[in-house]
Every structure is written in C-alpha cells, then in structure tokens.
Amino acid sequence: MNRFAVTHLTDPDQTEATRRIVTSFFTAQIAGDHEAVSKVASPDMTVWVLGDFWWSGMHDLADMAVIRDSWVGGLKDGGADFSVELLSVLADGNRASVETRITATWADGRPYESLCHIALDVADGKVVGYREYFDTAYEVTFRQAERPTNA
C-alpha cells in the first residue's frame, strides 16, 4: 500500500469552468458593467471585505455596485485612468483565487496603487462567494473615513 496515494482529485472540467466564470465576473466588474456582472454572479452572492471601513464587512451584490461606483466617484476625471489588472486567476474545483493590481489617480491628484487578493466560490455556474483582502494600513491613507451620501 502506498502511503502517499492521492485519494481525491478535483474535476478538471469544473476547475476550467470556475476559471472562465471568475474571469468573466472580473472582466465585467472592471468595466463597471453591472448587467454583465449579474449574469455570472448569483443574486444571493455574499461579499465580504476586510477592514474597518464603511465598505468593510458583509454585503450583497447591489451593495457591491454602490461601493464600486462611490469609489470611482472619488477619482480624478470620474476615474478616467482607473485600471484593474488581473495578475492571476487560479482555480481548483469550485474555488478560485484572484490577484489584482488597481491603479488610479484621486481627484486631488494623489496616485493610487493597490494589490488585492480575492477568494471566490462558484456554484451552479455563478459566483456565490467573494472575499476581498488588501493592505488596510495603505487604504487608511487614501479612503474616505465617512460613508458618502450616495452609498
């Protein structure tokens, strides 16, 4: 008997489907296309964001759109240079790990660059769970302390 035998392998078709769904989700999210996001995100999707900010904690998909739009609203020229680059998308079964680099310029001219890690869960062809991790100490130097009136 081999003590190192693998007893469970993830279905490669499920892994590839998860990779495609997550990539579609982020492509739509980066573009700010809320309709396209809703096609690959479960209406019951849960969103958790790290930190002690007004946008931290548990949210639903509708909250996520408001948070993104509010954030972009604080950028120079309405976010004309706002960019999110997908650095990696790793998938295994129904779970995925995404690394992004966000760059922009705040309305007051300060540059912004942040790396984020997002862990996602997929079920029935839709993103059902989203957990975002980032450098909270860096964010404190840039983000609004109070919830904007539109959020």
Foldseek 3Di string as FASTA:
>chain_A
DDPPDDPDAFDVVLQVLLLVLVVQLVVCVQVLNLVSNPVAAPQQAWEAEDDDAPLHGIDGSVSVSLVVQVVLCQFAPSFPVWGKDWPDWGTTRQKIKTKIWIWGAGNVGHIDIWIKIWIFGDDPRHTRYIYIDTDHVSVVVPDDRDDDPSD
